[in-house]
Amino acid sequence: MPIDRRGFIACAGIVAIGSACRPDGLLEVQADRFVQFRNKFKGTVILPDDADYDRARAPASFNPRTDKHPRFIARCMTADDIVSALEFARTQSLEVAVRSGGHDPLGASVCEGGIVIDLSEMKSIVIDREHRTARVEPGVRASDLNTATSPHGLAAVLGCHPGVGVAGLTLGGGLGWLLGRFGAACDNLVSADVISADGKLRHASAGENADLFWALRGGGGNFGIVTSLEYQLHPVDQVLGGLIAFRGDVASFLRFYRDFMKAAPDALAAEMSIVMVDQPTILCRVCWSGDTTEGHRVLRPLREFGPPVADAISSVSYAHLTDRPDPEFSARVFGPPPAVAPPAGMTYDYWKGGSLKELKDHAIEQIASAIANSSRGMSIGIGHHMHGQICRVPDGATPLTRTSGQFTYFLDANWRNPARAETAMAWVDDSWSAMRHFSSGSYVNYLSSNSEKSVRATYRGNNRRLVALKRKFDPTNVFHLNRNIRP
């Protein structure tokens, strides 16, 4: 179809990158390439003057440091769309950012002046009940897959947040509710289809492109763009779980939590968040995926600690484990809802994370001090306790490093008023810097630095093999907006 005026203006801006000194005739050729790309693209090309551009460019952790303006967003519908977008970016020397869910503290799923290859509309899910597998496209989020598997009494091994994209989660390893029983998401990946930097579509599994398959299971987005993932599913239906809330001495609860999780059976996961409301409030969401009677016994010390402000732990469908609490729970914990709803507008979020080899007393005191010096809308999360099956996988079986007893943590600030940005981000930065004294490596999806030193420390003994595979599949480092393994 002929290009319209708006598209022509956008073309001019796109081809101007690196081309200001080229003859006008060459510019026309390049603009024509954009028209050709756009005409065969089955998805949606979102340009800067489109009404949904600002929403489309913003990652989940949107803040002044991730407020970037790509030349356009290529919202793909098919693997061919991805190939076309990659090819156009290569011929125009444009930087590429890849997005599935957009949950990333680095804001690496957006770029300044390049192309965002957006996979969020690729959401196909196919369940094979007989073989207990699911094949999904990269735009699928955890809640989508949980909802699809639930009627079959099955569950995928994913993360804890229902809104996280399964592709990015799995490529970074994938720690979640079932890590004690079934390991990480990457341990349950059966195969994947991936488009590498040369534009070729490869199938990766234990029997085909096995080296690429190994790299995909924890090596991050360094080796290509995944177009589909096949997961092993497990018989999980009802679980004993939900939220329980406490107030009181934060350090005391953290010491209890540490000892409680030290004795955790495989079937137990418990993620906690200390939220500053009018005072520090501890929210703990648990998942017990074993025998219900045994689960009540295991959870009794937690439910009797405090006592709790509110307790919503019950038998629940695994797919609904992370549903929002009911109004009664919310009112008891947070008070009645405001009489006047907050004004509509952009919500900003900034967070950093890391890992603790152990939750020692010095780290506990630092966490308690940080939350005491926070303001409303700030929080500290602790969880992903490494135990059970995830720690039985041999070292080097995947790039994901595994340390028994390790916890992850994150520091988060959430605000609406732009004037709060510097104060909010400074609290996260300062608290994170203080926590680094107690940190040891990191879970790659929580790694809040893309420096070569940080990435190397995270992958430890697997780093050399990952570098060799990066040279093989992405020698020019096309996919560098990530926790980058430099070739």
Foldseek 3Di string as FASTA:
>chain_A
DDDDPVLLVLLLLLLCVVPVPPDPVVSVVLSVLVVVLVVPAPFDKAAPPDPCQQVVQAAPQGAPQLNAHESIERAHAALVNVLSLLVNCVVSVFAEAEDQLRDFLQNLQHHHHHYRHYDLNQFDWDADLVQQKIKTFQNHFQLNQLVVCQVSLKHQAAADDRRHTRQQCQQQQGFHQQCQPQNGNLSFWAWWWWQFSVSDIAIEGCVGPPLVSQNSRRVGCLFGHTGMIMGHMDRFWKWFKAKFKADDQQLVVLVVVQVLVVPDHSQKWKKWKFAAAVHTMIMIIMTGRDDPVVVCVSCVVVCPPRPTLDDDTGIDTPSCSPPDDDQVRCCSRRNHDDPDDDDDDDKHKHKAKFKFLACDSVLSVLQSVLRVPDHHQKMKMKTSQAHHPNVVPDPPSHLQDGRHGMMMMMIMGMDGDSVCRVVRVVSRVVSVVVNVVRGQQGSQSRHNDLDPVNLCRNSPPCLVSSLVSSCVRPVPRSPASGSGNHD
